[in-house]
Structure formats: C-alpha cells, structure tokens
C-alpha atoms as a PDB file:
ATOM      1  CA  THR A   1      -0.014  -0.026  -0.062  1.00  0.00           C
ATOM      2  CA  LYS A   2       1.073   3.585  -0.265  1.00  0.00           C
ATOM      3  CA  ASP A   3       1.184   4.103   3.427  1.00  0.00           C
ATOM      4  CA  ALA A   4       3.469   1.013   3.837  1.00  0.00           C
ATOM      5  CA  TYR A   5       5.792   2.412   0.958  1.00  0.00           C
ATOM      6  CA  LEU A   6       5.939   5.823   2.858  1.00  0.00           C
ATOM      7  CA  ASN A   7       6.679   4.171   6.131  1.00  0.00           C
ATOM      8  CA  GLN A   8       9.359   2.019   4.561  1.00  0.00           C
ATOM      9  CA  ILE A   9      11.172   4.866   2.876  1.00  0.00           C
ATOM     10  CA  ALA A  10      10.790   7.040   5.929  1.00  0.00           C
ATOM     11  CA  GLN A  11      12.952   4.496   7.778  1.00  0.00           C
ATOM     12  CA  PHE A  12      15.861   5.436   5.526  1.00  0.00           C
ATOM     13  CA  GLY A  13      15.215   9.206   5.924  1.00  0.00           C
ATOM     14  CA  PHE A  14      13.380   9.696   2.703  1.00  0.00           C
ATOM     15  CA  SER A  15      10.142  11.473   1.703  1.00  0.00           C
ATOM     16  CA  ASP A  16       8.242  10.320  -1.350  1.00  0.00           C
ATOM     17  CA  GLN A  17       9.771  13.239  -3.406  1.00  0.00           C
ATOM     18  CA  THR A  18      13.497  12.764  -2.086  1.00  0.00           C
ATOM     19  CA  TYR A  19      13.195   9.081  -2.834  1.00  0.00           C
ATOM     20  CA  GLN A  20      12.020   9.625  -6.338  1.00  0.00           C
ATOM     21  CA  ASN A  21      14.913  12.259  -6.698  1.00  0.00           C
ATOM     22  CA  PHE A  22      17.427   9.698  -5.340  1.00  0.00           C
ATOM     23  CA  MET A  23      16.141   6.928  -7.742  1.00  0.00           C
ATOM     24  CA  TYR A  24      16.357   9.418 -10.793  1.00  0.00           C
ATOM     25  CA  ILE A  25      19.973  10.435  -9.829  1.00  0.00           C
ATOM     26  CA  SER A  26      20.863   6.685  -9.280  1.00  0.00           C
ATOM     27  CA  GLN A  27      19.543   5.801 -12.708  1.00  0.00           C
ATOM     28  CA  CYS A  28      21.418   8.795 -14.357  1.00  0.00           C
ATOM     29  CA  TYR A  29      24.610   7.742 -12.604  1.00  0.00           C
ATOM     30  CA  GLN A  30      24.199   4.107 -13.795  1.00  0.00           C
ATOM     31  CA  ALA A  31      23.531   5.247 -17.375  1.00  0.00           C
ATOM     32  CA  LEU A  32      26.635   7.498 -17.456  1.00  0.00           C
ATOM     33  CA  ASN A  33      28.752   4.773 -15.829  1.00  0.00           C
ATOM     34  CA  ASP A  34      27.663   2.178 -18.442  1.00  0.00           C
ATOM     35  CA  TYR A  35      28.348   4.657 -21.201  1.00  0.00           C
ATOM     36  CA  TYR A  36      31.724   5.560 -20.099  1.00  0.00           C
ATOM     37  CA  PHE A  37      32.955   2.466 -18.245  1.00  0.00           C
ATOM     38  CA  GLY A  38      30.542  -0.397 -19.281  1.00  0.00           C
ATOM     39  CA  GLU A  39      31.727  -3.432 -21.273  1.00  0.00           C
ATOM     40  CA  ASN A  40      31.962  -1.336 -24.457  1.00  0.00           C
ATOM     41  CA  GLY A  41      32.208   2.094 -22.779  1.00  0.00           C
ATOM     42  CA  VAL A  42      33.967   4.947 -24.498  1.00  0.00           C
ATOM     43  CA  ASN A  43      36.516   5.168 -21.581  1.00  0.00           C
ATOM     44  CA  THR A  44      37.007   1.581 -20.640  1.00  0.00           C
ATOM     45  CA  PRO A  45      40.587   1.027 -19.555  1.00  0.00           C
ATOM     46  CA  SER A  46      42.608  -1.404 -21.573  1.00  0.00           C
ATOM     47  CA  ASP A  47      43.725  -4.840 -20.035  1.00  0.00           C
ATOM     48  CA  GLU A  48      47.360  -3.393 -20.089  1.00  0.00           C
ATOM     49  CA  ASP A  49      46.145  -0.262 -18.048  1.00  0.00           C
ATOM     50  CA  ILE A  50      44.412  -2.508 -15.552  1.00  0.00           C
ATOM     51  CA  GLN A  51      47.348  -4.872 -15.156  1.00  0.00           C
ATOM     52  CA  LYS A  52      49.763  -1.913 -14.804  1.00  0.00           C
ATOM     53  CA  TYR A  53      47.517  -0.252 -12.119  1.00  0.00           C
ATOM     54  CA  TYR A  54      47.443  -3.627 -10.200  1.00  0.00           C
ATOM     55  CA  GLU A  55      51.157  -4.002 -10.299  1.00  0.00           C
ATOM     56  CA  ASP A  56      51.810  -0.382  -9.363  1.00  0.00           C
ATOM     57  CA  ASN A  57      49.243  -0.101  -6.515  1.00  0.00           C
ATOM     58  CA  TYR A  58      48.921  -3.608  -4.994  1.00  0.00           C
ATOM     59  CA  ILE A  59      51.102  -5.661  -2.578  1.00  0.00           C
ATOM     60  CA  THR A  60      50.994  -9.223  -1.428  1.00  0.00           C
ATOM     61  CA  ALA A  61      52.433  -9.996   1.984  1.00  0.00           C
ATOM     62  CA  LYS A  62      52.447 -12.605   4.634  1.00  0.00           C
ATOM     63  CA  HIS A  63      52.813 -11.936   8.258  1.00  0.00           C
ATOM     64  CA  ILE A  64      53.265 -13.467  11.592  1.00  0.00           C
ATOM     65  CA  LEU A  65      51.122 -11.607  14.261  1.00  0.00           C
ATOM     66  CA  ILE A  66      51.640 -11.869  17.984  1.00  0.00           C
ATOM     67  CA  THR A  67      48.807 -10.283  19.713  1.00  0.00           C
ATOM     68  CA  THR A  68      48.275  -8.799  23.279  1.00  0.00           C
ATOM     69  CA  VAL A  69      44.533  -9.301  23.159  1.00  0.00           C
ATOM     70  CA  ASP A  70      42.466 -12.279  22.181  1.00  0.00           C
ATOM     71  CA  PRO A  71      40.462 -11.074  19.271  1.00  0.00           C
ATOM     72  CA  ALA A  72      37.454 -13.329  20.018  1.00  0.00           C
ATOM     73  CA  SER A  73      37.137 -12.478  23.669  1.00  0.00           C
ATOM     74  CA  GLY A  74      38.838  -9.190  23.975  1.00  0.00           C
ATOM     75  CA  GLU A  75      40.781 -10.656  26.994  1.00  0.00           C
ATOM     76  CA  THR A  76      44.347  -9.765  27.577  1.00  0.00           C
ATOM     77  CA  LYS A  77      46.703 -12.666  26.473  1.00  0.00           C
ATOM     78  CA  ARG A  78      49.976 -11.123  27.397  1.00  0.00           C
ATOM     79  CA  THR A  79      51.492  -7.800  28.034  1.00  0.00           C
ATOM     80  CA  ASP A  80      52.954  -5.495  25.416  1.00  0.00           C
ATOM     81  CA  VAL A  81      56.336  -6.220  26.624  1.00  0.00           C
ATOM     82  CA  GLU A  82      55.724  -9.991  26.494  1.00  0.00           C
ATOM     83  CA  ALA A  83      54.302  -9.777  23.004  1.00  0.00           C
ATOM     84  CA  LYS A  84      57.249  -7.826  21.770  1.00  0.00           C
ATOM     85  CA  LYS A  85      59.638 -10.412  23.350  1.00  0.00           C
ATOM     86  CA  ASP A  86      57.813 -13.274  21.745  1.00  0.00           C
ATOM     87  CA  ALA A  87      57.771 -11.592  18.355  1.00  0.00           C
ATOM     88  CA  GLN A  88      61.457 -10.758  18.636  1.00  0.00           C
ATOM     89  CA  SER A  89      62.268 -14.306  19.455  1.00  0.00           C
ATOM     90  CA  ILE A  90      60.472 -15.407  16.150  1.00  0.00           C
ATOM     91  CA  LEU A  91      62.216 -12.700  14.219  1.00  0.00           C
ATOM     92  CA  ASP A  92      65.538 -13.871  15.489  1.00  0.00           C
ATOM     93  CA  ARG A  93      64.804 -17.335  14.282  1.00  0.00           C
ATOM     94  CA  ILE A  94      63.935 -16.023  10.861  1.00  0.00           C
ATOM     95  CA  ASN A  95      67.100 -14.039  10.656  1.00  0.00           C
ATOM     96  CA  ALA A  96      68.943 -17.109  11.662  1.00  0.00           C
ATOM     97  CA  GLY A  97      67.570 -18.908   8.699  1.00  0.00           C
ATOM     98  CA  GLU A  98      64.493 -20.652   9.694  1.00  0.00           C
ATOM     99  CA  ASP A  99      61.535 -20.793   7.177  1.00  0.00           C
ATOM    100  CA  PHE A 100      59.155 -17.974   7.354  1.00  0.00           C
ATOM    101  CA  ASP A 101      56.182 -20.036   6.400  1.00  0.00           C
ATOM    102  CA  THR A 102      56.810 -22.763   8.912  1.00  0.00           C
ATOM    103  CA  LEU A 103      57.157 -20.164  11.777  1.00  0.00           C
ATOM    104  CA  MET A 104      54.122 -18.328  10.465  1.00  0.00           C
ATOM    105  CA  ASN A 105      51.945 -21.492  10.606  1.00  0.00           C
ATOM    106  CA  GLN A 106      53.237 -22.362  13.923  1.00  0.00           C
ATOM    107  CA  TYR A 107      53.106 -19.080  15.767  1.00  0.00           C
ATOM    108  CA  SER A 108      50.985 -16.499  13.959  1.00  0.00           C
ATOM    109  CA  GLU A 109      47.744 -15.513  15.937  1.00  0.00           C
ATOM    110  CA  ASP A 110      46.150 -13.982  12.675  1.00  0.00           C
ATOM    111  CA  THR A 111      42.575 -15.266  12.629  1.00  0.00           C
ATOM    112  CA  GLY A 112      42.517 -14.822   8.878  1.00  0.00           C
ATOM    113  CA  LEU A 113      45.701 -17.024   8.174  1.00  0.00           C
ATOM    114  CA  SER A 114      43.614 -20.075   7.253  1.00  0.00           C
ATOM    115  CA  ASN A 115      41.704 -18.202   4.533  1.00  0.00           C
ATOM    116  CA  ASN A 116      44.913 -16.488   3.408  1.00  0.00           C
ATOM    117  CA  PRO A 117      47.774 -19.020   3.429  1.00  0.00           C
ATOM    118  CA  ASN A 118      49.501 -17.326   0.497  1.00  0.00           C
ATOM    119  CA  GLY A 119      49.308 -13.909   2.149  1.00  0.00           C
ATOM    120  CA  TYR A 120      47.082 -10.842   1.696  1.00  0.00           C
ATOM    121  CA  THR A 121      46.971  -8.899  -1.505  1.00  0.00           C
ATOM    122  CA  PHE A 122      45.912  -5.239  -0.783  1.00  0.00           C
ATOM    123  CA  THR A 123      46.415  -1.555  -1.588  1.00  0.00           C
ATOM    124  CA  GLU A 124      46.577   1.579   0.464  1.00  0.00           C
ATOM    125  CA  GLY A 125      43.645   1.961   2.880  1.00  0.00           C
ATOM    126  CA  GLN A 126      42.823  -1.679   3.077  1.00  0.00           C
ATOM    127  CA  MET A 127      45.211  -2.469   5.992  1.00  0.00           C
ATOM    128  CA  VAL A 128      46.126  -0.599   8.967  1.00  0.00           C
ATOM    129  CA  ASP A 129      48.684   2.199   8.073  1.00  0.00           C
ATOM    130  CA  GLU A 130      51.553   0.616  10.064  1.00  0.00           C
ATOM    131  CA  PHE A 131      51.134  -2.733   8.209  1.00  0.00           C
ATOM    132  CA  TYR A 132      50.788  -1.065   4.813  1.00  0.00           C
ATOM    133  CA  ASN A 133      53.657   1.337   5.102  1.00  0.00           C
ATOM    134  CA  ALA A 134      55.967  -1.480   6.347  1.00  0.00           C
ATOM    135  CA  ALA A 135      54.983  -3.886   3.587  1.00  0.00           C
ATOM    136  CA  LYS A 136      55.379  -1.151   0.959  1.00  0.00           C
ATOM    137  CA  ALA A 137      58.767  -0.417   2.065  1.00  0.00           C
ATOM    138  CA  LEU A 138      59.973  -4.000   1.641  1.00  0.00           C
ATOM    139  CA  GLN A 139      61.274  -5.591  -1.583  1.00  0.00           C
ATOM    140  CA  GLU A 140      59.907  -8.946  -2.821  1.00  0.00           C
ATOM    141  CA  GLY A 141      61.353 -11.713  -0.412  1.00  0.00           C
ATOM    142  CA  GLU A 142      62.450  -9.279   2.256  1.00  0.00           C
ATOM    143  CA  VAL A 143      61.247  -9.624   5.888  1.00  0.00           C
ATOM    144  CA  SER A 144      60.549  -6.531   8.137  1.00  0.00           C
ATOM    145  CA  GLY A 145      61.631  -5.852  11.680  1.00  0.00           C
ATOM    146  CA  LEU A 146      58.907  -5.843  14.253  1.00  0.00           C
ATOM    147  CA  VAL A 147      55.949  -3.617  13.183  1.00  0.00           C
ATOM    148  CA  LYS A 148      53.654  -2.563  16.082  1.00  0.00           C
ATOM    149  CA  SER A 149      49.867  -1.876  15.326  1.00  0.00           C
ATOM    150  CA  GLN A 150      46.805  -1.898  17.181  1.00  0.00           C
ATOM    151  CA  TYR A 151      46.649  -5.691  16.737  1.00  0.00           C
ATOM    152  CA  GLY A 152      50.061  -6.436  18.166  1.00  0.00           C
ATOM    153  CA  TYR A 153      53.471  -7.156  16.598  1.00  0.00           C
ATOM    154  CA  HIS A 154      53.808  -8.130  13.023  1.00  0.00           C
ATOM    155  CA  ILE A 155      56.709  -9.760  11.139  1.00  0.00           C
ATOM    156  CA  ILE A 156      56.054  -8.942   7.436  1.00  0.00           C
ATOM    157  CA  LYS A 157      57.281 -10.776   4.412  1.00  0.00           C
ATOM    158  CA  ARG A 158      56.594  -9.099   1.076  1.00  0.00           C
ATOM    159  CA  CYS A 159      55.748 -11.676  -1.543  1.00  0.00           C
ATOM    160  CA  GLU A 160      55.400 -11.760  -5.348  1.00  0.00           C
ATOM    161  CA  LEU A 161      52.228 -10.024  -6.261  1.00  0.00           C
ATOM    162  CA  ASN A 162      49.580 -12.707  -6.307  1.00  0.00           C
ATOM    163  CA  GLN A 163      48.329 -12.729  -9.922  1.00  0.00           C
ATOM    164  CA  ASP A 164      45.459 -15.159  -8.909  1.00  0.00           C
ATOM    165  CA  GLU A 165      43.914 -12.257  -6.811  1.00  0.00           C
ATOM    166  CA  PHE A 166      43.902 -10.044  -9.942  1.00  0.00           C
ATOM    167  CA  GLU A 167      40.760 -11.496 -11.331  1.00  0.00           C
ATOM    168  CA  ASN A 168      38.961 -11.267  -7.969  1.00  0.00           C
ATOM    169  CA  MET A 169      39.797  -7.677  -7.845  1.00  0.00           C
ATOM    170  CA  ARG A 170      39.270  -6.643 -11.496  1.00  0.00           C
ATOM    171  CA  ASP A 171      36.089  -4.668 -11.013  1.00  0.00           C
ATOM    172  CA  SER A 172      37.435  -2.529  -8.228  1.00  0.00           C
ATOM    173  CA  ILE A 173      40.744  -2.032 -10.235  1.00  0.00           C
ATOM    174  CA  ILE A 174      38.676  -1.020 -13.407  1.00  0.00           C
ATOM    175  CA  ALA A 175      36.658   1.443 -11.146  1.00  0.00           C
ATOM    176  CA  ALA A 176      39.963   2.839  -9.642  1.00  0.00           C
ATOM    177  CA  VAL A 177      41.646   3.284 -13.046  1.00  0.00           C
ATOM    178  CA  ALA A 178      38.542   4.810 -14.651  1.00  0.00           C
END
C-alpha cells in the first residue's frame, strides 16, 4: 500500500519526493557509468592499463602476528612487553635462517591465516597504516623488523604479487583506473 511504502522509505530518511529524486539520480549515474565504463564504454581502460595499475598499486604480503589481546574474547593474553619479546624471538629465528612459512603457520595469531595461506593482496587503505607502510617499504622476499599496530606485533614478508587475486579484484581495479 502507499502507506506501507511511505513508512518503509521514511525508515531510511526519505520522503516520497526525495526518494524519487534519489532513484532518478541513481539511474542517471548508472547510465553514465555504463556509457563511459561499461563493457563497450568509451573510456573503458585497456587490459594493459588495468594490469599496470594492479602491479603499481597492490602488494602481496604474509605476516606473523603476535597479539596482546584475544580477538574473539577481548581478554588480555599477554602484556605488550611479553608480545614484543615473543615476536622478537621469532624474528631472531627467521634471521638465523628458519623458514618464514613454517614459523608463520606455527606461531601467527592472525585469525585470517587459514583463509589467506598465501598472504594478503591489498592496496593503500585496506590494511592498518603501520602494516601497509612497512609492507610497501619492503622488496619482494624481504622480511621486516617488528611492526607494532593496534593488533600487536607483526613480522611481515613481502611476496611476489599474487596474480590469482587480480581477477577477484578486477572490477574494483577498473573503477579505480577509470
């Protein structure tokens, strides 16, 4: 009913007229977006442009995270001093030649590790600044020192850019290039 419609849009802060204006603007935006950037749009970036943007702006990195707080419960696991000491001990083992991946799988407290065993592929703004800046400063294959963030202490290894992620991110890359 009309009353149900008005009540529904009012929950989102719209009156009938503002909702109609919003829908009109949305349709105009979509038409312009399709014209310029759609499948055969006049400004659709080339595959080479998209690939170059990906290579210039994205990073793949793995990390070992030692936390002070349990992310699930919020309870303190260890003091900052203890976390730093534990992370330094692992970093010392890496610097002595032990395998990064083995130590990562054994000690990292990153809850996303099981979903990202080959590391994270990201660009600026997708990770906390400390992590992003440290990873960006590394060369491929290089391991950072200890990097402190709100999550704890990270030991970061920059990896070869994950080309498998390119297709998953293609639409967002096209939007960024366009």
